[in-house]
C-alpha cells in the first residue's frame, strides 16, 4: 500500500476537483478513455455496483477520470453512452501515469489516503473485487 498521488482536475460541470476534497472517504477512481468501447460497456456495471449502492454514504466517492484527455463534448458523450451519473473529470492522463495505470481500470483509495487496490484487468472484470474491497473499508 502506498500514499495516493494527489491531483486537481476539472469536472465535466466545470468545477475544480481535488483528491484532497475527499479526505477521510473511501474513493474509487474509474480511469476511462472517452471513446473506449470496453469502458463504455463497463459504465452501467460501474454505476449499478460501485455508485448506486453507496451514493447515500457521506464517507464514499467514485470519480471517473478521462485518461484520453478528450474535450468536454467527448466526455459528455461518454457519460451518455456509458450511462453514468457520478462525477467525470477531464484531462487525467498525467494522473493515470502517477497511479501507474491505464484506461479501463479501477483504483481504490482508503480513508487514510492509501491506494489499496489497483486493477490489472478491464474494469468490468474487477467490479466484484472492488465492491468487496469498498464494503470492507466502509
N, C-alpha and C. Protein backbone atom coordinates (compact mmCIF):
# COMPACT_ATOMS: atom_id res chain seq x y z
N UNK A 1 0.85 -1.19 0.00
CA UNK A 1 0.00 0.00 0.00
C UNK A 1 0.88 1.24 0.00
N UNK A 2 0.43 2.24 -0.70
CA UNK A 2 1.20 3.47 -0.79
C UNK A 2 0.27 4.66 -0.69
N UNK A 3 0.83 5.82 -0.33
CA UNK A 3 0.05 7.04 -0.36
C UNK A 3 -0.38 7.32 -1.78
N UNK A 4 -1.59 7.79 -1.94
CA UNK A 4 -2.12 8.04 -3.27
C UNK A 4 -1.67 9.39 -3.78
N UNK A 5 -1.21 9.47 -5.02
CA UNK A 5 -0.82 10.76 -5.59
C UNK A 5 -2.01 11.72 -5.63
N UNK A 6 -1.80 12.93 -5.18
CA UNK A 6 -2.86 13.93 -5.22
C UNK A 6 -3.07 14.45 -6.63
N UNK A 7 -4.21 15.06 -6.87
CA UNK A 7 -4.48 15.67 -8.16
C UNK A 7 -5.54 16.75 -8.02
N UNK A 8 -5.54 17.66 -8.97
CA UNK A 8 -6.60 18.64 -9.14
C UNK A 8 -6.98 18.61 -10.61
N UNK A 9 -8.24 18.32 -10.88
CA UNK A 9 -8.74 18.24 -12.25
C UNK A 9 -10.04 19.01 -12.36
N UNK A 10 -10.42 19.31 -13.59
CA UNK A 10 -11.68 20.00 -13.85
C UNK A 10 -12.75 18.96 -14.14
N UNK A 11 -13.90 19.13 -13.50
CA UNK A 11 -15.01 18.20 -13.74
C UNK A 11 -15.75 18.59 -15.01
N UNK A 12 -16.59 17.68 -15.47
CA UNK A 12 -17.40 17.94 -16.65
C UNK A 12 -18.28 19.17 -16.43
N UNK A 13 -18.68 19.41 -15.19
CA UNK A 13 -19.52 20.57 -14.88
C UNK A 13 -18.72 21.86 -14.73
N UNK A 14 -17.37 21.76 -14.82
CA UNK A 14 -16.54 22.96 -14.80
C UNK A 14 -15.91 23.30 -13.47
N UNK A 15 -16.20 22.53 -12.43
CA UNK A 15 -15.62 22.82 -11.12
C UNK A 15 -14.27 22.12 -10.96
N UNK A 16 -13.44 22.68 -10.09
CA UNK A 16 -12.15 22.07 -9.78
C UNK A 16 -12.36 21.00 -8.71
N UNK A 17 -11.80 19.83 -8.95
CA UNK A 17 -11.93 18.70 -8.02
C UNK A 17 -10.53 18.27 -7.61
N UNK A 18 -10.31 18.22 -6.30
CA UNK A 18 -9.03 17.76 -5.75
C UNK A 18 -9.26 16.45 -5.02
N UNK A 19 -8.29 15.55 -5.13
CA UNK A 19 -8.40 14.32 -4.35
C UNK A 19 -8.51 14.65 -2.87
N UNK A 20 -7.81 15.68 -2.43
CA UNK A 20 -7.84 16.05 -1.01
C UNK A 20 -9.23 16.49 -0.54
N UNK A 21 -10.12 16.82 -1.48
CA UNK A 21 -11.51 17.15 -1.12
C UNK A 21 -12.20 15.95 -0.47
N UNK A 22 -11.67 14.76 -0.71
CA UNK A 22 -12.30 13.53 -0.25
C UNK A 22 -11.51 12.84 0.85
N UNK A 23 -10.74 13.61 1.62
CA UNK A 23 -10.01 13.01 2.73
C UNK A 23 -11.01 12.39 3.70
N UNK A 24 -10.61 11.32 4.34
CA UNK A 24 -11.47 10.55 5.25
C UNK A 24 -12.65 9.89 4.56
N UNK A 25 -12.51 9.67 3.25
CA UNK A 25 -13.52 8.94 2.49
C UNK A 25 -12.84 7.82 1.72
N UNK A 26 -13.59 6.77 1.45
CA UNK A 26 -13.13 5.75 0.51
C UNK A 26 -13.43 6.31 -0.88
N UNK A 27 -12.43 6.27 -1.75
CA UNK A 27 -12.59 6.82 -3.10
C UNK A 27 -12.26 5.74 -4.12
N UNK A 28 -13.14 5.58 -5.10
CA UNK A 28 -12.87 4.70 -6.25
C UNK A 28 -12.62 5.59 -7.45
N UNK A 29 -11.53 5.33 -8.15
CA UNK A 29 -11.22 6.03 -9.39
C UNK A 29 -11.46 5.06 -10.54
N UNK A 30 -12.30 5.48 -11.49
CA UNK A 30 -12.55 4.70 -12.70
C UNK A 30 -11.85 5.43 -13.84
N UNK A 31 -10.68 4.92 -14.22
CA UNK A 31 -9.94 5.51 -15.34
C UNK A 31 -10.55 4.99 -16.63
N UNK A 32 -10.94 5.91 -17.51
CA UNK A 32 -11.56 5.52 -18.77
C UNK A 32 -10.98 6.32 -19.92
N UNK A 33 -11.21 5.81 -21.11
CA UNK A 33 -10.93 6.55 -22.34
C UNK A 33 -12.27 6.95 -22.91
N UNK A 34 -12.42 8.22 -23.28
CA UNK A 34 -13.74 8.73 -23.65
C UNK A 34 -14.38 8.02 -24.83
N UNK A 35 -13.61 7.34 -25.67
CA UNK A 35 -14.19 6.62 -26.79
C UNK A 35 -13.80 5.14 -26.76
N UNK A 36 -13.44 4.66 -25.59
CA UNK A 36 -13.01 3.27 -25.39
C UNK A 36 -14.24 2.36 -25.32
N UNK A 37 -14.40 1.42 -26.26
CA UNK A 37 -15.60 0.57 -26.26
C UNK A 37 -15.79 -0.23 -24.96
N UNK A 38 -14.73 -0.81 -24.42
CA UNK A 38 -14.90 -1.61 -23.20
C UNK A 38 -15.20 -0.72 -21.99
N UNK A 39 -14.70 0.52 -22.01
CA UNK A 39 -15.01 1.46 -20.92
C UNK A 39 -16.49 1.83 -20.96
N UNK A 40 -17.00 2.11 -22.16
CA UNK A 40 -18.42 2.42 -22.31
C UNK A 40 -19.28 1.24 -21.86
N UNK A 41 -18.86 0.03 -22.24
CA UNK A 41 -19.61 -1.17 -21.88
C UNK A 41 -19.61 -1.40 -20.38
N UNK A 42 -18.51 -1.04 -19.70
CA UNK A 42 -18.41 -1.24 -18.25
C UNK A 42 -19.23 -0.21 -17.47
N UNK A 43 -19.52 0.92 -18.09
CA UNK A 43 -20.20 2.02 -17.40
C UNK A 43 -21.42 1.62 -16.60
N UNK A 44 -22.40 0.93 -17.21
CA UNK A 44 -23.60 0.57 -16.45
C UNK A 44 -23.31 -0.30 -15.23
N UNK A 45 -22.34 -1.22 -15.34
CA UNK A 45 -22.00 -2.07 -14.19
C UNK A 45 -21.25 -1.28 -13.12
N UNK A 46 -20.39 -0.36 -13.53
CA UNK A 46 -19.72 0.51 -12.55
C UNK A 46 -20.77 1.33 -11.82
N UNK A 47 -21.71 1.89 -12.57
CA UNK A 47 -22.79 2.70 -11.98
C UNK A 47 -23.61 1.88 -10.98
N UNK A 48 -24.08 0.69 -11.41
CA UNK A 48 -25.01 -0.08 -10.58
C UNK A 48 -24.33 -0.78 -9.40
N UNK A 49 -23.04 -1.07 -9.52
CA UNK A 49 -22.35 -1.80 -8.44
C UNK A 49 -21.46 -0.93 -7.55
N UNK A 50 -20.92 0.15 -8.11
CA UNK A 50 -19.95 0.95 -7.35
C UNK A 50 -20.42 2.37 -7.07
N UNK A 51 -21.54 2.79 -7.65
CA UNK A 51 -22.08 4.11 -7.34
C UNK A 51 -23.41 4.00 -6.61
N UNK A 52 -24.40 3.40 -7.26
CA UNK A 52 -25.75 3.37 -6.70
C UNK A 52 -25.83 2.81 -5.28
N UNK A 53 -25.18 1.67 -4.96
CA UNK A 53 -25.33 1.12 -3.61
C UNK A 53 -24.74 2.00 -2.50
N UNK A 54 -23.84 2.89 -2.87
CA UNK A 54 -23.11 3.68 -1.86
C UNK A 54 -23.38 5.18 -1.96
N UNK A 55 -24.23 5.60 -2.89
CA UNK A 55 -24.34 7.04 -3.16
C UNK A 55 -24.88 7.85 -1.99
N UNK A 56 -25.59 7.22 -1.07
CA UNK A 56 -26.10 7.97 0.08
C UNK A 56 -25.08 8.09 1.20
N UNK A 57 -23.96 7.41 1.08
CA UNK A 57 -22.93 7.45 2.13
C UNK A 57 -22.12 8.73 2.04
N UNK A 58 -21.82 9.30 3.18
CA UNK A 58 -21.01 10.52 3.20
C UNK A 58 -19.52 10.21 3.25
N UNK A 59 -19.17 8.93 3.41
CA UNK A 59 -17.76 8.55 3.52
C UNK A 59 -17.28 7.78 2.29
N UNK A 60 -17.90 8.04 1.14
CA UNK A 60 -17.57 7.33 -0.10
C UNK A 60 -17.74 8.25 -1.30
N UNK A 61 -16.87 8.06 -2.29
CA UNK A 61 -16.99 8.81 -3.55
C UNK A 61 -16.40 7.99 -4.68
N UNK A 62 -17.06 7.99 -5.83
CA UNK A 62 -16.48 7.43 -7.04
C UNK A 62 -16.31 8.56 -8.04
N UNK A 63 -15.18 8.55 -8.72
CA UNK A 63 -14.86 9.57 -9.73
C UNK A 63 -14.42 8.86 -11.00
N UNK A 64 -14.89 9.35 -12.13
CA UNK A 64 -14.42 8.86 -13.42
C UNK A 64 -13.37 9.82 -13.95
N UNK A 65 -12.26 9.30 -14.43
CA UNK A 65 -11.16 10.15 -14.92
C UNK A 65 -10.86 9.81 -16.37
N UNK A 66 -11.06 10.80 -17.26
CA UNK A 66 -10.80 10.58 -18.68
C UNK A 66 -9.31 10.64 -18.96
N UNK A 67 -8.73 9.48 -19.18
CA UNK A 67 -7.30 9.39 -19.40
C UNK A 67 -6.92 9.77 -20.82
N UNK A 68 -7.89 9.85 -21.72
CA UNK A 68 -7.58 10.17 -23.11
C UNK A 68 -7.57 11.67 -23.38
N UNK A 69 -7.77 12.47 -22.32
CA UNK A 69 -7.71 13.93 -22.44
C UNK A 69 -8.63 14.48 -23.52
N UNK A 70 -9.83 13.93 -23.58
CA UNK A 70 -10.82 14.42 -24.55
C UNK A 70 -11.40 15.75 -24.12
N UNK A 71 -12.05 16.43 -25.05
CA UNK A 71 -12.72 17.68 -24.70
C UNK A 71 -14.02 17.37 -23.96
N UNK A 72 -14.66 18.40 -23.43
CA UNK A 72 -15.85 18.17 -22.62
C UNK A 72 -16.97 17.51 -23.44
N UNK A 73 -17.07 17.81 -24.72
CA UNK A 73 -18.11 17.19 -25.56
C UNK A 73 -17.89 15.68 -25.67
N UNK A 74 -16.64 15.25 -25.82
CA UNK A 74 -16.38 13.82 -25.94
C UNK A 74 -16.62 13.10 -24.61
N UNK A 75 -16.34 13.76 -23.50
CA UNK A 75 -16.58 13.16 -22.19
C UNK A 75 -18.08 13.15 -21.89
N UNK A 76 -18.79 14.18 -22.30
CA UNK A 76 -20.25 14.21 -22.16
C UNK A 76 -20.87 13.06 -22.96
N UNK A 77 -20.36 12.82 -24.16
CA UNK A 77 -20.85 11.71 -24.98
C UNK A 77 -20.58 10.37 -24.28
N UNK A 78 -19.41 10.24 -23.66
CA UNK A 78 -19.10 9.03 -22.90
C UNK A 78 -20.11 8.86 -21.77
N UNK A 79 -20.38 9.93 -21.04
CA UNK A 79 -21.31 9.88 -19.91
C UNK A 79 -22.67 9.37 -20.36
N UNK A 80 -23.15 9.89 -21.48
CA UNK A 80 -24.45 9.49 -22.00
C UNK A 80 -24.44 8.03 -22.45
N UNK A 81 -23.44 7.66 -23.23
CA UNK A 81 -23.35 6.29 -23.76
C UNK A 81 -23.14 5.27 -22.65
N UNK A 82 -22.28 5.60 -21.69
CA UNK A 82 -21.97 4.66 -20.61
C UNK A 82 -23.05 4.64 -19.54
N UNK A 83 -23.91 5.65 -19.51
CA UNK A 83 -24.99 5.68 -18.55
C UNK A 83 -24.55 5.92 -17.12
N UNK A 84 -23.53 6.75 -16.95
CA UNK A 84 -23.04 7.02 -15.59
C UNK A 84 -23.49 8.40 -15.12
N UNK A 85 -23.69 8.51 -13.81
CA UNK A 85 -24.13 9.79 -13.24
C UNK A 85 -23.15 10.34 -12.21
N UNK A 86 -22.10 9.57 -11.89
CA UNK A 86 -21.10 10.06 -10.94
C UNK A 86 -20.19 11.08 -11.64
N UNK A 87 -19.46 11.89 -10.88
CA UNK A 87 -18.64 12.95 -11.48
C UNK A 87 -17.56 12.40 -12.42
N UNK A 88 -17.40 13.08 -13.56
CA UNK A 88 -16.35 12.74 -14.52
C UNK A 88 -15.37 13.90 -14.61
N UNK A 89 -14.09 13.57 -14.61
CA UNK A 89 -13.03 14.57 -14.60
C UNK A 89 -12.25 14.53 -15.91
N UNK A 90 -11.83 15.70 -16.36
CA UNK A 90 -11.17 15.85 -17.65
C UNK A 90 -9.64 15.83 -17.53
N UNK A 91 -8.99 15.50 -18.63
CA UNK A 91 -7.52 15.64 -18.76
C UNK A 91 -6.75 14.90 -17.68
N UNK A 92 -7.03 13.62 -17.54
CA UNK A 92 -6.45 12.84 -16.44
C UNK A 92 -5.30 11.93 -16.85
N UNK A 93 -4.74 12.11 -18.04
CA UNK A 93 -3.64 11.22 -18.47
C UNK A 93 -2.48 11.25 -17.49
N UNK A 94 -2.12 12.43 -17.01
CA UNK A 94 -0.98 12.52 -16.09
C UNK A 94 -1.30 11.84 -14.76
N UNK A 95 -2.57 11.87 -14.35
CA UNK A 95 -2.96 11.20 -13.10
C UNK A 95 -2.85 9.68 -13.27
N UNK A 96 -3.29 9.17 -14.41
CA UNK A 96 -3.15 7.73 -14.67
C UNK A 96 -1.68 7.33 -14.62
N UNK A 97 -0.82 8.16 -15.17
CA UNK A 97 0.62 7.87 -15.13
C UNK A 97 1.12 7.87 -13.68
N UNK A 98 0.65 8.84 -12.88
CA UNK A 98 1.04 8.90 -11.47
C UNK A 98 0.63 7.64 -10.71
N UNK A 99 -0.52 7.08 -11.10
CA UNK A 99 -1.03 5.87 -10.46
C UNK A 99 -0.50 4.60 -11.14
N UNK A 100 0.33 4.79 -12.15
CA UNK A 100 0.91 3.65 -12.89
C UNK A 100 -0.18 2.71 -13.39
N UNK A 101 -1.21 3.31 -13.99
CA UNK A 101 -2.31 2.52 -14.51
C UNK A 101 -2.67 3.04 -15.90
N UNK A 102 -3.71 2.48 -16.48
CA UNK A 102 -4.14 2.86 -17.81
C UNK A 102 -5.65 2.99 -17.82
N UNK A 103 -6.22 3.19 -19.00
CA UNK A 103 -7.67 3.32 -19.09
C UNK A 103 -8.34 1.96 -18.89
N UNK A 104 -9.63 2.02 -18.54
CA UNK A 104 -10.45 0.84 -18.26
C UNK A 104 -9.92 0.09 -17.04
N UNK A 105 -9.57 0.86 -16.01
CA UNK A 105 -9.07 0.29 -14.77
C UNK A 105 -9.72 0.97 -13.58
N UNK A 106 -9.77 0.26 -12.46
CA UNK A 106 -10.31 0.78 -11.21
C UNK A 106 -9.21 0.83 -10.16
N UNK A 107 -9.25 1.89 -9.35
CA UNK A 107 -8.31 2.08 -8.24
C UNK A 107 -9.14 2.40 -7.00
N UNK A 108 -8.76 1.84 -5.86
CA UNK A 108 -9.45 2.13 -4.60
C UNK A 108 -8.47 2.78 -3.64
N UNK A 109 -8.92 3.87 -3.02
CA UNK A 109 -8.15 4.61 -2.03
C UNK A 109 -8.91 4.54 -0.71
N UNK A 110 -8.22 4.19 0.37
CA UNK A 110 -8.90 4.08 1.66
C UNK A 110 -9.03 5.44 2.34
N UNK A 111 -9.67 5.45 3.51
CA UNK A 111 -9.95 6.71 4.20
C UNK A 111 -8.69 7.44 4.65
N UNK A 112 -7.58 6.73 4.77
CA UNK A 112 -6.33 7.37 5.17
C UNK A 112 -5.53 7.87 3.97
N UNK A 113 -6.08 7.69 2.76
CA UNK A 113 -5.42 8.19 1.56
C UNK A 113 -4.44 7.23 0.92
N UNK A 114 -4.49 5.97 1.33
CA UNK A 114 -3.60 4.95 0.76
C UNK A 114 -4.29 4.23 -0.40
N UNK A 115 -3.53 3.97 -1.46
CA UNK A 115 -4.04 3.15 -2.55
C UNK A 115 -4.02 1.70 -2.09
N UNK A 116 -5.21 1.08 -2.03
CA UNK A 116 -5.31 -0.28 -1.51
C UNK A 116 -5.71 -1.29 -2.58
N UNK A 117 -6.04 -0.81 -3.77
CA UNK A 117 -6.36 -1.71 -4.89
C UNK A 117 -6.07 -0.97 -6.18
N UNK A 118 -5.33 -1.61 -7.06
CA UNK A 118 -5.10 -1.08 -8.40
C UNK A 118 -5.39 -2.21 -9.37
N UNK A 119 -6.43 -2.03 -10.17
CA UNK A 119 -6.83 -3.07 -11.10
C UNK A 119 -5.78 -3.35 -12.15
N UNK A 120 -5.67 -4.61 -12.52
CA UNK A 120 -4.72 -5.02 -13.55
C UNK A 120 -5.44 -5.61 -14.76
N UNK A 121 -6.77 -5.56 -14.73
CA UNK A 121 -7.55 -6.06 -15.85
C UNK A 121 -8.67 -5.07 -16.14
N UNK A 122 -9.45 -5.33 -17.19
CA UNK A 122 -10.54 -4.43 -17.54
C UNK A 122 -11.44 -4.20 -16.33
N UNK A 123 -11.96 -2.98 -16.23
CA UNK A 123 -12.80 -2.61 -15.08
C UNK A 123 -13.93 -3.61 -14.86
N UNK A 124 -14.57 -4.05 -15.94
CA UNK A 124 -15.69 -4.98 -15.80
C UNK A 124 -15.29 -6.24 -15.05
N UNK A 125 -14.06 -6.68 -15.22
CA UNK A 125 -13.59 -7.90 -14.56
C UNK A 125 -13.18 -7.67 -13.11
N UNK A 126 -13.03 -6.42 -12.71
CA UNK A 126 -12.61 -6.10 -11.34
C UNK A 126 -13.75 -5.57 -10.47
N UNK A 127 -14.94 -5.38 -11.04
CA UNK A 127 -16.03 -4.75 -10.29
C UNK A 127 -16.35 -5.51 -9.01
N UNK A 128 -16.48 -6.82 -9.07
CA UNK A 128 -16.84 -7.59 -7.87
C UNK A 128 -15.77 -7.45 -6.79
N UNK A 129 -14.51 -7.53 -7.17
CA UNK A 129 -13.42 -7.40 -6.20
C UNK A 129 -13.39 -5.99 -5.60
N UNK A 130 -13.63 -4.99 -6.42
CA UNK A 130 -13.63 -3.61 -5.93
C UNK A 130 -14.81 -3.38 -4.99
N UNK A 131 -15.98 -3.89 -5.34
CA UNK A 131 -17.14 -3.73 -4.46
C UNK A 131 -16.87 -4.38 -3.11
N UNK A 132 -16.29 -5.57 -3.12
CA UNK A 132 -15.95 -6.25 -1.87
C UNK A 132 -14.94 -5.44 -1.06
N UNK A 133 -13.94 -4.88 -1.73
CA UNK A 133 -12.93 -4.06 -1.05
C UNK A 133 -13.59 -2.83 -0.44
N UNK A 134 -14.45 -2.15 -1.20
CA UNK A 134 -15.14 -0.96 -0.70
C UNK A 134 -15.97 -1.31 0.53
N UNK A 135 -16.74 -2.39 0.45
CA UNK A 135 -17.58 -2.78 1.58
C UNK A 135 -16.74 -3.06 2.82
N UNK A 136 -15.55 -3.63 2.64
CA UNK A 136 -14.68 -3.92 3.79
C UNK A 136 -14.09 -2.66 4.41
N UNK A 137 -14.02 -1.58 3.62
CA UNK A 137 -13.42 -0.33 4.09
C UNK A 137 -14.43 0.62 4.71
N UNK A 138 -15.71 0.43 4.42
CA UNK A 138 -16.74 1.35 4.93
C UNK A 138 -17.26 0.91 6.28
